[in-house]
């Protein structure tokens, strides 16, 4: 017979059960309210004209315009260049902002809040909105797309980087300080070795997202394969749209597989 004592299970509170039921009802009511406010016309969705259009258009997606492959691949590479350049710029810009936000690096709460407000403000703008702004500023070209991706990605990466910095082992930093290391040595030998693998992992993950985002920026004139999507849609060339979608799906799948493998090796 074991000498260990086991405490009796804490009886479940009726109040806790009622609270869960109330929360569930509130969530259900909010969902019903938002769903009904959309004014979805089911009669239009399942109307004969809608079904006829789907029957006419969708089969053409499965008859891709193979003869347009060269032009589509060229624009897909441009999309990748936009995503890569923007992601790389964001990964670099986000580092100082992340240190500014990290409370264990900058003890001034006012400066921490400034950094958080900058990152929060940047994250508030979707890439497509930033692309519209930069197209108006620098004209319809891929550079506008690079700027939109760079600014949009900085907000997310800065937030993630700051959380990584705040989770580092400060005992290593204190040991380096006690041994007389200067700020630069602490940065390169105490901080970067702890945060760099996760920094790279998040940057690669963000690149995956940016490839998808860059695919639609051309719709507003920011370069990339989105430009072809716009022209093909305007001309009702559904076979070309199908080929474009096929190239995007294959490209994104390959990048997901490669980046997933790299991130597993990093972290």
C-alpha atoms as a PDB file:
ATOM      1  CA  UNK A   1       0.000   0.000   0.000  1.00  0.00           C
ATOM      2  CA  UNK A   2       1.443   3.341  -1.034  1.00  0.00           C
ATOM      3  CA  UNK A   3       1.888   5.998   1.605  1.00  0.00           C
ATOM      4  CA  UNK A   4       1.064   8.782  -0.881  1.00  0.00           C
ATOM      5  CA  UNK A   5      -2.138  10.661  -0.309  1.00  0.00           C
ATOM      6  CA  UNK A   6      -4.348  11.652  -3.209  1.00  0.00           C
ATOM      7  CA  UNK A   7      -6.503  14.720  -2.950  1.00  0.00           C
ATOM      8  CA  UNK A   8     -10.159  14.304  -3.863  1.00  0.00           C
ATOM      9  CA  UNK A   9     -11.213  15.790  -7.194  1.00  0.00           C
ATOM     10  CA  UNK A  10     -12.516  19.303  -7.019  1.00  0.00           C
ATOM     11  CA  UNK A  11     -16.249  19.246  -7.636  1.00  0.00           C
ATOM     12  CA  UNK A  12     -17.303  20.968 -10.837  1.00  0.00           C
ATOM     13  CA  UNK A  13     -19.010  24.246 -10.223  1.00  0.00           C
ATOM     14  CA  UNK A  14     -22.490  24.722 -11.672  1.00  0.00           C
ATOM     15  CA  UNK A  15     -21.585  28.355 -12.227  1.00  0.00           C
ATOM     16  CA  UNK A  16     -18.695  27.289 -14.501  1.00  0.00           C
ATOM     17  CA  UNK A  17     -21.080  25.125 -16.549  1.00  0.00           C
ATOM     18  CA  UNK A  18     -23.623  27.953 -16.832  1.00  0.00           C
ATOM     19  CA  UNK A  19     -20.849  30.365 -17.860  1.00  0.00           C
ATOM     20  CA  UNK A  20     -19.798  28.078 -20.704  1.00  0.00           C
ATOM     21  CA  UNK A  21     -23.380  27.718 -21.882  1.00  0.00           C
ATOM     22  CA  UNK A  22     -23.858  31.506 -21.823  1.00  0.00           C
ATOM     23  CA  UNK A  23     -20.614  32.058 -23.746  1.00  0.00           C
ATOM     24  CA  UNK A  24     -21.662  29.457 -26.337  1.00  0.00           C
ATOM     25  CA  UNK A  25     -25.088  31.110 -26.754  1.00  0.00           C
ATOM     26  CA  UNK A  26     -23.516  34.561 -27.126  1.00  0.00           C
ATOM     27  CA  UNK A  27     -21.072  33.296 -29.782  1.00  0.00           C
ATOM     28  CA  UNK A  28     -23.906  31.525 -31.626  1.00  0.00           C
ATOM     29  CA  UNK A  29     -26.082  34.657 -31.574  1.00  0.00           C
ATOM     30  CA  UNK A  30     -23.225  36.826 -32.853  1.00  0.00           C
ATOM     31  CA  UNK A  31     -22.602  34.350 -35.672  1.00  0.00           C
ATOM     32  CA  UNK A  32     -26.298  34.266 -36.621  1.00  0.00           C
ATOM     33  CA  UNK A  33     -26.467  38.074 -36.523  1.00  0.00           C
ATOM     34  CA  UNK A  34     -23.375  38.538 -38.723  1.00  0.00           C
ATOM     35  CA  UNK A  35     -24.493  35.808 -41.142  1.00  0.00           C
ATOM     36  CA  UNK A  36     -27.989  37.242 -41.581  1.00  0.00           C
ATOM     37  CA  UNK A  37     -26.649  40.800 -41.960  1.00  0.00           C
ATOM     38  CA  UNK A  38     -24.789  39.737 -45.135  1.00  0.00           C
ATOM     39  CA  UNK A  39     -28.141  39.462 -46.924  1.00  0.00           C
ATOM     40  CA  UNK A  40     -27.113  36.361 -48.861  1.00  0.00           C
ATOM     41  CA  UNK A  41     -29.569  35.687 -51.671  1.00  0.00           C
ATOM     42  CA  UNK A  42     -29.691  31.923 -51.915  1.00  0.00           C
ATOM     43  CA  UNK A  43     -32.166  32.129 -54.790  1.00  0.00           C
ATOM     44  CA  UNK A  44     -29.523  33.975 -56.839  1.00  0.00           C
ATOM     45  CA  UNK A  45     -26.696  31.604 -55.890  1.00  0.00           C
ATOM     46  CA  UNK A  46     -28.647  28.554 -57.003  1.00  0.00           C
ATOM     47  CA  UNK A  47     -30.494  30.247 -59.856  1.00  0.00           C
ATOM     48  CA  UNK A  48     -30.496  28.767 -63.329  1.00  0.00           C
ATOM     49  CA  UNK A  49     -28.353  31.583 -64.754  1.00  0.00           C
ATOM     50  CA  UNK A  50     -25.688  31.129 -62.065  1.00  0.00           C
ATOM     51  CA  UNK A  51     -25.539  27.392 -62.622  1.00  0.00           C
ATOM     52  CA  UNK A  52     -25.349  27.926 -66.388  1.00  0.00           C
ATOM     53  CA  UNK A  53     -22.409  30.355 -65.949  1.00  0.00           C
ATOM     54  CA  UNK A  54     -20.591  27.904 -63.683  1.00  0.00           C
ATOM     55  CA  UNK A  55     -21.215  25.082 -66.143  1.00  0.00           C
ATOM     56  CA  UNK A  56     -19.800  27.253 -68.925  1.00  0.00           C
ATOM     57  CA  UNK A  57     -16.777  28.751 -67.100  1.00  0.00           C
ATOM     58  CA  UNK A  58     -15.476  26.104 -64.675  1.00  0.00           C
ATOM     59  CA  UNK A  59     -14.746  23.414 -67.342  1.00  0.00           C
ATOM     60  CA  UNK A  60     -12.513  25.938 -69.127  1.00  0.00           C
ATOM     61  CA  UNK A  61     -10.296  26.123 -66.034  1.00  0.00           C
ATOM     62  CA  UNK A  62      -9.424  22.477 -66.685  1.00  0.00           C
ATOM     63  CA  UNK A  63      -8.436  23.267 -70.293  1.00  0.00           C
ATOM     64  CA  UNK A  64      -5.426  25.509 -69.500  1.00  0.00           C
ATOM     65  CA  UNK A  65      -3.891  27.610 -72.259  1.00  0.00           C
ATOM     66  CA  UNK A  66      -0.552  25.787 -72.470  1.00  0.00           C
ATOM     67  CA  UNK A  67       0.636  28.107 -75.255  1.00  0.00           C
ATOM     68  CA  UNK A  68       0.765  30.963 -72.696  1.00  0.00           C
ATOM     69  CA  UNK A  69       3.108  29.051 -70.373  1.00  0.00           C
ATOM     70  CA  UNK A  70       6.208  31.065 -71.266  1.00  0.00           C
ATOM     71  CA  UNK A  71       4.610  34.444 -70.566  1.00  0.00           C
ATOM     72  CA  UNK A  72       2.969  33.159 -67.388  1.00  0.00           C
ATOM     73  CA  UNK A  73       6.244  31.716 -66.053  1.00  0.00           C
ATOM     74  CA  UNK A  74       8.015  35.006 -66.761  1.00  0.00           C
ATOM     75  CA  UNK A  75       5.439  36.903 -64.693  1.00  0.00           C
ATOM     76  CA  UNK A  76       5.550  34.206 -61.992  1.00  0.00           C
ATOM     77  CA  UNK A  77       9.293  34.739 -61.635  1.00  0.00           C
ATOM     78  CA  UNK A  78       8.651  38.469 -61.345  1.00  0.00           C
ATOM     79  CA  UNK A  79       6.165  37.688 -58.576  1.00  0.00           C
ATOM     80  CA  UNK A  80       8.807  35.617 -56.765  1.00  0.00           C
ATOM     81  CA  UNK A  81      11.350  38.420 -57.129  1.00  0.00           C
ATOM     82  CA  UNK A  82       8.860  40.906 -55.636  1.00  0.00           C
ATOM     83  CA  UNK A  83       8.133  38.566 -52.722  1.00  0.00           C
ATOM     84  CA  UNK A  84      11.805  37.775 -52.100  1.00  0.00           C
ATOM     85  CA  UNK A  85      13.017  41.379 -52.257  1.00  0.00           C
ATOM     86  CA  UNK A  86      10.184  42.643 -50.077  1.00  0.00           C
ATOM     87  CA  UNK A  87      10.567  39.815 -47.551  1.00  0.00           C
ATOM     88  CA  UNK A  88      14.326  40.306 -47.277  1.00  0.00           C
ATOM     89  CA  UNK A  89      13.916  44.045 -46.726  1.00  0.00           C
ATOM     90  CA  UNK A  90      11.251  43.395 -44.079  1.00  0.00           C
ATOM     91  CA  UNK A  91      13.413  40.801 -42.298  1.00  0.00           C
ATOM     92  CA  UNK A  92      16.183  43.392 -41.968  1.00  0.00           C
ATOM     93  CA  UNK A  93      14.018  46.395 -41.046  1.00  0.00           C
ATOM     94  CA  UNK A  94      12.108  44.388 -38.438  1.00  0.00           C
ATOM     95  CA  UNK A  95      15.232  43.607 -36.371  1.00  0.00           C
ATOM     96  CA  UNK A  96      15.885  47.093 -34.871  1.00  0.00           C
ATOM     97  CA  UNK A  97      12.157  47.622 -34.362  1.00  0.00           C
ATOM     98  CA  UNK A  98      11.935  44.289 -32.539  1.00  0.00           C
ATOM     99  CA  UNK A  99      14.777  45.277 -30.191  1.00  0.00           C
ATOM    100  CA  UNK A 100      13.004  48.574 -29.562  1.00  0.00           C
ATOM    101  CA  UNK A 101       9.819  46.716 -28.569  1.00  0.00           C
ATOM    102  CA  UNK A 102      11.539  44.088 -26.405  1.00  0.00           C
ATOM    103  CA  UNK A 103      11.280  45.127 -22.745  1.00  0.00           C
ATOM    104  CA  UNK A 104      14.354  43.092 -21.754  1.00  0.00           C
ATOM    105  CA  UNK A 105      16.478  45.052 -24.264  1.00  0.00           C
ATOM    106  CA  UNK A 106      15.018  48.550 -23.914  1.00  0.00           C
ATOM    107  CA  UNK A 107      13.827  49.294 -20.389  1.00  0.00           C
ATOM    108  CA  UNK A 108      12.162  52.583 -21.378  1.00  0.00           C
ATOM    109  CA  UNK A 109       8.417  51.808 -21.510  1.00  0.00           C
ATOM    110  CA  UNK A 110       7.745  54.880 -23.658  1.00  0.00           C
ATOM    111  CA  UNK A 111      10.139  53.660 -26.361  1.00  0.00           C
ATOM    112  CA  UNK A 112       8.642  50.150 -26.128  1.00  0.00           C
ATOM    113  CA  UNK A 113       5.189  51.611 -26.758  1.00  0.00           C
ATOM    114  CA  UNK A 114       6.435  53.662 -29.715  1.00  0.00           C
ATOM    115  CA  UNK A 115       7.865  50.532 -31.310  1.00  0.00           C
ATOM    116  CA  UNK A 116       4.654  48.584 -30.683  1.00  0.00           C
ATOM    117  CA  UNK A 117       2.551  51.402 -32.134  1.00  0.00           C
ATOM    118  CA  UNK A 118       4.708  51.498 -35.268  1.00  0.00           C
ATOM    119  CA  UNK A 119       4.425  47.745 -35.797  1.00  0.00           C
ATOM    120  CA  UNK A 120       0.719  47.745 -34.961  1.00  0.00           C
ATOM    121  CA  UNK A 121       0.030  50.595 -37.364  1.00  0.00           C
ATOM    122  CA  UNK A 122       1.890  48.846 -40.171  1.00  0.00           C
ATOM    123  CA  UNK A 123       0.032  45.564 -39.567  1.00  0.00           C
ATOM    124  CA  UNK A 124      -3.292  47.377 -39.833  1.00  0.00           C
ATOM    125  CA  UNK A 125      -2.854  47.852 -43.605  1.00  0.00           C
ATOM    126  CA  UNK A 126      -3.347  44.839 -45.915  1.00  0.00           C
ATOM    127  CA  UNK A 127      -0.747  44.485 -48.656  1.00  0.00           C
ATOM    128  CA  UNK A 128      -3.313  45.283 -51.357  1.00  0.00           C
ATOM    129  CA  UNK A 129      -4.082  48.643 -49.708  1.00  0.00           C
ATOM    130  CA  UNK A 130      -0.366  49.432 -49.387  1.00  0.00           C
ATOM    131  CA  UNK A 131       0.066  48.478 -53.050  1.00  0.00           C
ATOM    132  CA  UNK A 132      -2.643  50.961 -54.082  1.00  0.00           C
ATOM    133  CA  UNK A 133      -0.883  53.697 -52.090  1.00  0.00           C
ATOM    134  CA  UNK A 134       2.550  52.949 -53.549  1.00  0.00           C
ATOM    135  CA  UNK A 135       1.217  52.599 -57.095  1.00  0.00           C
ATOM    136  CA  UNK A 136      -0.173  56.123 -56.726  1.00  0.00           C
ATOM    137  CA  UNK A 137       3.187  57.300 -55.320  1.00  0.00           C
ATOM    138  CA  UNK A 138       5.755  55.621 -57.612  1.00  0.00           C
ATOM    139  CA  UNK A 139       3.607  54.492 -60.526  1.00  0.00           C
ATOM    140  CA  UNK A 140       2.383  51.076 -61.710  1.00  0.00           C
ATOM    141  CA  UNK A 141       5.518  48.927 -61.573  1.00  0.00           C
ATOM    142  CA  UNK A 142       7.005  46.032 -59.569  1.00  0.00           C
ATOM    143  CA  UNK A 143       8.801  48.453 -57.229  1.00  0.00           C
ATOM    144  CA  UNK A 144       5.416  49.432 -55.814  1.00  0.00           C
ATOM    145  CA  UNK A 145       4.811  45.762 -55.058  1.00  0.00           C
ATOM    146  CA  UNK A 146       8.197  45.426 -53.347  1.00  0.00           C
ATOM    147  CA  UNK A 147       7.416  48.407 -51.115  1.00  0.00           C
ATOM    148  CA  UNK A 148       3.970  47.023 -50.249  1.00  0.00           C
ATOM    149  CA  UNK A 149       5.397  43.614 -49.316  1.00  0.00           C
ATOM    150  CA  UNK A 150       8.311  45.116 -47.376  1.00  0.00           C
ATOM    151  CA  UNK A 151       6.149  47.439 -45.270  1.00  0.00           C
ATOM    152  CA  UNK A 152       3.376  44.887 -44.776  1.00  0.00           C
ATOM    153  CA  UNK A 153       5.772  42.134 -43.687  1.00  0.00           C
ATOM    154  CA  UNK A 154       7.734  44.366 -41.318  1.00  0.00           C
ATOM    155  CA  UNK A 155       4.796  44.645 -38.933  1.00  0.00           C
ATOM    156  CA  UNK A 156       4.338  40.895 -38.542  1.00  0.00           C
ATOM    157  CA  UNK A 157       8.040  40.029 -38.395  1.00  0.00           C
ATOM    158  CA  UNK A 158       8.797  42.817 -35.924  1.00  0.00           C
ATOM    159  CA  UNK A 159       6.102  41.530 -33.571  1.00  0.00           C
ATOM    160  CA  UNK A 160       7.331  37.925 -33.810  1.00  0.00           C
ATOM    161  CA  UNK A 161      10.983  38.926 -33.476  1.00  0.00           C
ATOM    162  CA  UNK A 162      10.278  40.961 -30.325  1.00  0.00           C
ATOM    163  CA  UNK A 163       8.586  37.946 -28.706  1.00  0.00           C
ATOM    164  CA  UNK A 164      11.622  35.791 -29.543  1.00  0.00           C
ATOM    165  CA  UNK A 165      13.981  38.385 -28.036  1.00  0.00           C
ATOM    166  CA  UNK A 166      11.937  38.617 -24.850  1.00  0.00           C
ATOM    167  CA  UNK A 167      12.132  34.835 -24.400  1.00  0.00           C
ATOM    168  CA  UNK A 168      15.949  34.541 -24.499  1.00  0.00           C
ATOM    169  CA  UNK A 169      17.999  33.287 -21.544  1.00  0.00           C
ATOM    170  CA  UNK A 170      19.160  36.442 -19.767  1.00  0.00           C
ATOM    171  CA  UNK A 171      21.605  34.442 -17.626  1.00  0.00           C
ATOM    172  CA  UNK A 172      23.887  34.213 -20.664  1.00  0.00           C
ATOM    173  CA  UNK A 173      23.744  37.988 -21.092  1.00  0.00           C
ATOM    174  CA  UNK A 174      24.499  38.562 -17.402  1.00  0.00           C
ATOM    175  CA  UNK A 175      27.445  36.150 -17.571  1.00  0.00           C
ATOM    176  CA  UNK A 176      28.911  38.018 -20.541  1.00  0.00           C
ATOM    177  CA  UNK A 177      28.443  41.356 -18.784  1.00  0.00           C
ATOM    178  CA  UNK A 178      30.151  39.988 -15.671  1.00  0.00           C
ATOM    179  CA  UNK A 179      33.124  38.862 -17.793  1.00  0.00           C
ATOM    180  CA  UNK A 180      33.547  42.403 -19.146  1.00  0.00           C
ATOM    181  CA  UNK A 181      32.041  41.952 -22.622  1.00  0.00           C
ATOM    182  CA  UNK A 182      30.996  45.133 -24.404  1.00  0.00           C
ATOM    183  CA  UNK A 183      27.581  45.743 -25.989  1.00  0.00           C
ATOM    184  CA  UNK A 184      28.667  44.552 -29.430  1.00  0.00           C
ATOM    185  CA  UNK A 185      30.111  41.329 -28.052  1.00  0.00           C
ATOM    186  CA  UNK A 186      26.949  40.698 -26.041  1.00  0.00           C
ATOM    187  CA  UNK A 187      24.893  41.225 -29.186  1.00  0.00           C
ATOM    188  CA  UNK A 188      26.915  38.844 -31.375  1.00  0.00           C
ATOM    189  CA  UNK A 189      27.813  36.191 -28.799  1.00  0.00           C
ATOM    190  CA  UNK A 190      24.902  36.347 -26.375  1.00  0.00           C
ATOM    191  CA  UNK A 191      21.762  37.463 -28.223  1.00  0.00           C
ATOM    192  CA  UNK A 192      22.088  36.574 -31.905  1.00  0.00           C
ATOM    193  CA  UNK A 193      22.997  32.888 -31.352  1.00  0.00           C
ATOM    194  CA  UNK A 194      19.770  32.507 -29.357  1.00  0.00           C
ATOM    195  CA  UNK A 195      17.418  34.373 -31.689  1.00  0.00           C
ATOM    196  CA  UNK A 196      18.865  33.852 -35.185  1.00  0.00           C
ATOM    197  CA  UNK A 197      17.391  30.377 -35.898  1.00  0.00           C
ATOM    198  CA  UNK A 198      13.867  31.546 -35.037  1.00  0.00           C
ATOM    199  CA  UNK A 199      14.394  34.833 -36.894  1.00  0.00           C
ATOM    200  CA  UNK A 200      15.283  32.900 -40.046  1.00  0.00           C
ATOM    201  CA  UNK A 201      12.398  30.472 -39.555  1.00  0.00           C
ATOM    202  CA  UNK A 202       9.875  33.309 -39.261  1.00  0.00           C
ATOM    203  CA  UNK A 203      11.404  35.148 -42.237  1.00  0.00           C
ATOM    204  CA  UNK A 204      11.083  32.036 -44.431  1.00  0.00           C
ATOM    205  CA  UNK A 205       7.507  31.508 -43.258  1.00  0.00           C
ATOM    206  CA  UNK A 206       6.717  35.121 -44.079  1.00  0.00           C
ATOM    207  CA  UNK A 207       8.210  34.620 -47.546  1.00  0.00           C
ATOM    208  CA  UNK A 208       5.620  31.870 -48.132  1.00  0.00           C
ATOM    209  CA  UNK A 209       2.853  34.321 -47.253  1.00  0.00           C
ATOM    210  CA  UNK A 210       4.390  37.064 -49.385  1.00  0.00           C
ATOM    211  CA  UNK A 211       4.458  34.836 -52.486  1.00  0.00           C
ATOM    212  CA  UNK A 212       0.685  34.421 -52.164  1.00  0.00           C
ATOM    213  CA  UNK A 213       0.198  38.138 -51.489  1.00  0.00           C
ATOM    214  CA  UNK A 214       2.407  39.138 -54.443  1.00  0.00           C
ATOM    215  CA  UNK A 215       0.275  37.014 -56.758  1.00  0.00           C
ATOM    216  CA  UNK A 216      -2.621  39.472 -56.490  1.00  0.00           C
ATOM    217  CA  UNK A 217      -0.772  42.805 -56.230  1.00  0.00           C
ATOM    218  CA  UNK A 218      -0.653  43.079 -60.016  1.00  0.00           C
ATOM    219  CA  UNK A 219      -4.420  43.540 -59.999  1.00  0.00           C
ATOM    220  CA  UNK A 220      -3.827  47.115 -58.794  1.00  0.00           C
ATOM    221  CA  UNK A 221      -0.742  47.645 -60.998  1.00  0.00           C
ATOM    222  CA  UNK A 222       2.023  46.569 -58.592  1.00  0.00           C
ATOM    223  CA  UNK A 223       3.588  44.024 -60.946  1.00  0.00           C
ATOM    224  CA  UNK A 224       3.658  40.260 -60.948  1.00  0.00           C
ATOM    225  CA  UNK A 225       1.323  37.588 -62.207  1.00  0.00           C
ATOM    226  CA  UNK A 226      -1.724  39.469 -60.928  1.00  0.00           C
ATOM    227  CA  UNK A 227      -1.437  41.695 -64.011  1.00  0.00           C
ATOM    228  CA  UNK A 228      -2.040  38.667 -66.238  1.00  0.00           C
ATOM    229  CA  UNK A 229      -4.992  37.622 -64.087  1.00  0.00           C
ATOM    230  CA  UNK A 230      -6.559  41.035 -64.615  1.00  0.00           C
ATOM    231  CA  UNK A 231      -6.105  41.004 -68.406  1.00  0.00           C
ATOM    232  CA  UNK A 232      -7.300  37.399 -68.721  1.00  0.00           C
ATOM    233  CA  UNK A 233     -10.393  38.123 -66.624  1.00  0.00           C
ATOM    234  CA  UNK A 234     -11.237  41.289 -68.573  1.00  0.00           C
ATOM    235  CA  UNK A 235     -10.974  39.333 -71.838  1.00  0.00           C
ATOM    236  CA  UNK A 236     -12.977  36.431 -70.361  1.00  0.00           C
ATOM    237  CA  UNK A 237     -10.086  34.155 -71.269  1.00  0.00           C
ATOM    238  CA  UNK A 238     -10.858  31.460 -68.698  1.00  0.00           C
ATOM    239  CA  UNK A 239      -8.415  28.973 -70.218  1.00  0.00           C
ATOM    240  CA  UNK A 240      -5.571  31.402 -69.505  1.00  0.00           C
ATOM    241  CA  UNK A 241      -6.927  32.042 -65.996  1.00  0.00           C
ATOM    242  CA  UNK A 242      -6.870  28.282 -65.443  1.00  0.00           C
ATOM    243  CA  UNK A 243      -3.234  28.091 -66.563  1.00  0.00           C
ATOM    244  CA  UNK A 244      -2.272  30.998 -64.313  1.00  0.00           C
ATOM    245  CA  UNK A 245      -3.946  29.349 -61.320  1.00  0.00           C
ATOM    246  CA  UNK A 246      -2.191  26.062 -62.089  1.00  0.00           C
ATOM    247  CA  UNK A 247       1.222  27.766 -62.160  1.00  0.00           C
ATOM    248  CA  UNK A 248       0.480  29.604 -58.892  1.00  0.00           C
ATOM    249  CA  UNK A 249      -0.671  26.405 -57.163  1.00  0.00           C
ATOM    250  CA  UNK A 250       2.418  24.447 -58.263  1.00  0.00           C
ATOM    251  CA  UNK A 251       4.790  27.280 -57.322  1.00  0.00           C
ATOM    252  CA  UNK A 252       3.262  27.853 -53.895  1.00  0.00           C
ATOM    253  CA  UNK A 253       3.215  24.106 -53.149  1.00  0.00           C
ATOM    254  CA  UNK A 254       6.902  23.737 -54.048  1.00  0.00           C
ATOM    255  CA  UNK A 255       7.854  26.750 -51.929  1.00  0.00           C
ATOM    256  CA  UNK A 256       5.805  25.449 -48.983  1.00  0.00           C
ATOM    257  CA  UNK A 257       7.579  22.088 -49.125  1.00  0.00           C
ATOM    258  CA  UNK A 258      11.067  23.590 -49.397  1.00  0.00           C
ATOM    259  CA  UNK A 259      10.520  26.236 -46.717  1.00  0.00           C
ATOM    260  CA  UNK A 260       8.918  23.699 -44.394  1.00  0.00           C
ATOM    261  CA  UNK A 261      11.989  21.458 -44.711  1.00  0.00           C
ATOM    262  CA  UNK A 262      14.358  24.381 -44.063  1.00  0.00           C
ATOM    263  CA  UNK A 263      12.405  25.619 -41.045  1.00  0.00           C
ATOM    264  CA  UNK A 264      12.443  22.154 -39.465  1.00  0.00           C
ATOM    265  CA  UNK A 265      16.228  22.073 -39.780  1.00  0.00           C
ATOM    266  CA  UNK A 266      16.584  25.567 -38.298  1.00  0.00           C
ATOM    267  CA  UNK A 267      14.440  25.201 -35.175  1.00  0.00           C
END
